[in-house]
Amino acid sequence: MFESGWSWINGTSEEEKNPDEKDVTVSFARCFSSRDGEKALSYLKSITSGRCLSPEVNAEVLRHLEGQRCLVSHISMLIEKGKS
């Protein structure tokens, strides 16, 4: 169901996207539109996008944080698509 966000890896075309994607985006928009949802998303952004690492951090920690940032960014994108 969520593979469409990674379709470029598998070479999947836009036409092959999951037909349930619209339902998922609307669900994300509804879930994060409440006051609690907005707080939760704000918290996720603060611990990912708003976080800086020291120059001495090892590659594994950096990769982990970048993965978290990617997920929060993907959630934000789903919310925006679901609103429209």
C-alpha atoms as a PDB file:
ATOM      1  CA  MET A   1       0.000   0.000   0.000  1.00  0.00           C
ATOM      2  CA  PHE A   2       2.763   2.500   0.837  1.00  0.00           C
ATOM      3  CA  GLU A   3       5.134   1.344  -1.915  1.00  0.00           C
ATOM      4  CA  SER A   4       4.153   4.226  -4.177  1.00  0.00           C
ATOM      5  CA  GLY A   5       6.431   6.579  -2.237  1.00  0.00           C
ATOM      6  CA  TRP A   6       9.338   4.355  -3.238  1.00  0.00           C
ATOM      7  CA  SER A   7       8.200   3.627  -6.786  1.00  0.00           C
ATOM      8  CA  TRP A   8      11.316   5.200  -8.276  1.00  0.00           C
ATOM      9  CA  ILE A   9      13.416   2.437  -6.672  1.00  0.00           C
ATOM     10  CA  ASN A  10      11.428  -0.338  -8.319  1.00  0.00           C
ATOM     11  CA  GLY A  11      10.932   1.516 -11.574  1.00  0.00           C
ATOM     12  CA  THR A  12       7.186   1.659 -11.014  1.00  0.00           C
ATOM     13  CA  SER A  13       5.442   4.191 -13.198  1.00  0.00           C
ATOM     14  CA  GLU A  14       2.921   6.736 -11.941  1.00  0.00           C
ATOM     15  CA  GLU A  15       0.103   4.715 -13.540  1.00  0.00           C
ATOM     16  CA  GLU A  16       0.983   1.666 -11.461  1.00  0.00           C
ATOM     17  CA  LYS A  17       0.482   3.432  -8.144  1.00  0.00           C
ATOM     18  CA  ASN A  18      -1.827   1.842  -5.624  1.00  0.00           C
ATOM     19  CA  PRO A  19      -5.423   2.984  -6.256  1.00  0.00           C
ATOM     20  CA  ASP A  20      -5.922   3.296  -2.478  1.00  0.00           C
ATOM     21  CA  GLU A  21      -3.364   6.114  -2.247  1.00  0.00           C
ATOM     22  CA  LYS A  22      -6.109   8.770  -2.213  1.00  0.00           C
ATOM     23  CA  ASP A  23      -7.745   7.031   0.750  1.00  0.00           C
ATOM     24  CA  VAL A  24      -4.421   6.931   2.597  1.00  0.00           C
ATOM     25  CA  THR A  25      -3.656  10.601   2.000  1.00  0.00           C
ATOM     26  CA  VAL A  26      -7.121  11.614   3.202  1.00  0.00           C
ATOM     27  CA  SER A  27      -6.643   9.452   6.305  1.00  0.00           C
ATOM     28  CA  PHE A  28      -3.328  11.151   7.074  1.00  0.00           C
ATOM     29  CA  ALA A  29      -4.890  14.585   6.577  1.00  0.00           C
ATOM     30  CA  ARG A  30      -7.743  13.718   8.945  1.00  0.00           C
ATOM     31  CA  CYS A  31      -5.464  12.128  11.529  1.00  0.00           C
ATOM     32  CA  PHE A  32      -3.110  15.102  11.729  1.00  0.00           C
ATOM     33  CA  SER A  33      -5.756  17.854  11.354  1.00  0.00           C
ATOM     34  CA  SER A  34      -6.864  17.703  14.976  1.00  0.00           C
ATOM     35  CA  ARG A  35      -5.157  19.724  17.678  1.00  0.00           C
ATOM     36  CA  ASP A  36      -3.479  16.583  19.015  1.00  0.00           C
ATOM     37  CA  GLY A  37      -2.426  15.547  15.517  1.00  0.00           C
ATOM     38  CA  GLU A  38      -0.863  18.950  14.885  1.00  0.00           C
ATOM     39  CA  LYS A  39       0.997  18.687  18.216  1.00  0.00           C
ATOM     40  CA  ALA A  40       2.241  15.215  17.328  1.00  0.00           C
ATOM     41  CA  LEU A  41       3.483  16.318  13.899  1.00  0.00           C
ATOM     42  CA  SER A  42       5.126  19.392  15.397  1.00  0.00           C
ATOM     43  CA  TYR A  43       6.924  17.165  17.900  1.00  0.00           C
ATOM     44  CA  LEU A  44       8.096  14.792  15.159  1.00  0.00           C
ATOM     45  CA  LYS A  45       9.429  17.728  13.152  1.00  0.00           C
ATOM     46  CA  SER A  46      11.237  19.149  16.184  1.00  0.00           C
ATOM     47  CA  ILE A  47      13.069  15.886  16.937  1.00  0.00           C
ATOM     48  CA  THR A  48      13.998  15.297  13.304  1.00  0.00           C
ATOM     49  CA  SER A  49      14.148  18.352  11.054  1.00  0.00           C
ATOM     50  CA  GLY A  50      14.905  20.665  13.956  1.00  0.00           C
ATOM     51  CA  ARG A  51      17.730  18.513  15.295  1.00  0.00           C
ATOM     52  CA  CYS A  52      21.393  19.153  14.563  1.00  0.00           C
ATOM     53  CA  LEU A  53      24.142  16.613  15.044  1.00  0.00           C
ATOM     54  CA  SER A  54      27.728  17.261  15.982  1.00  0.00           C
ATOM     55  CA  PRO A  55      30.509  16.835  13.422  1.00  0.00           C
ATOM     56  CA  GLU A  56      31.822  13.857  15.399  1.00  0.00           C
ATOM     57  CA  VAL A  57      28.669  11.776  14.974  1.00  0.00           C
ATOM     58  CA  ASN A  58      29.173   8.387  13.345  1.00  0.00           C
ATOM     59  CA  ALA A  59      27.640   7.434  10.013  1.00  0.00           C
ATOM     60  CA  GLU A  60      25.068   5.070  11.536  1.00  0.00           C
ATOM     61  CA  VAL A  61      23.569   7.824  13.703  1.00  0.00           C
ATOM     62  CA  LEU A  62      23.492  10.187  10.731  1.00  0.00           C
ATOM     63  CA  ARG A  63      21.757   7.604   8.547  1.00  0.00           C
ATOM     64  CA  HIS A  64      19.222   6.900  11.285  1.00  0.00           C
ATOM     65  CA  LEU A  65      18.343  10.585  11.674  1.00  0.00           C
ATOM     66  CA  GLU A  66      18.104  11.054   7.904  1.00  0.00           C
ATOM     67  CA  GLY A  67      15.704   8.091   7.772  1.00  0.00           C
ATOM     68  CA  GLN A  68      13.579   9.714  10.470  1.00  0.00           C
ATOM     69  CA  ARG A  69      13.615  13.016   8.586  1.00  0.00           C
ATOM     70  CA  CYS A  70      12.567  11.232   5.409  1.00  0.00           C
ATOM     71  CA  LEU A  71       9.632   9.589   7.185  1.00  0.00           C
ATOM     72  CA  VAL A  72       8.409  12.869   8.719  1.00  0.00           C
ATOM     73  CA  SER A  73       8.756  14.527   5.323  1.00  0.00           C
ATOM     74  CA  HIS A  74       6.750  11.714   3.722  1.00  0.00           C
ATOM     75  CA  ILE A  75       4.020  12.040   6.359  1.00  0.00           C
ATOM     76  CA  SER A  76       3.865  15.796   5.727  1.00  0.00           C
ATOM     77  CA  MET A  77       3.584  15.188   1.984  1.00  0.00           C
ATOM     78  CA  LEU A  78       0.731  12.701   2.517  1.00  0.00           C
ATOM     79  CA  ILE A  79      -1.073  15.234   4.706  1.00  0.00           C
ATOM     80  CA  GLU A  80      -0.778  17.979   2.087  1.00  0.00           C
ATOM     81  CA  LYS A  81      -1.966  15.658  -0.687  1.00  0.00           C
ATOM     82  CA  GLY A  82      -4.887  14.549   1.472  1.00  0.00           C
ATOM     83  CA  LYS A  83      -5.987  18.139   2.068  1.00  0.00           C
ATOM     84  CA  SER A  84      -6.323  18.816  -1.643  1.00  0.00           C
END
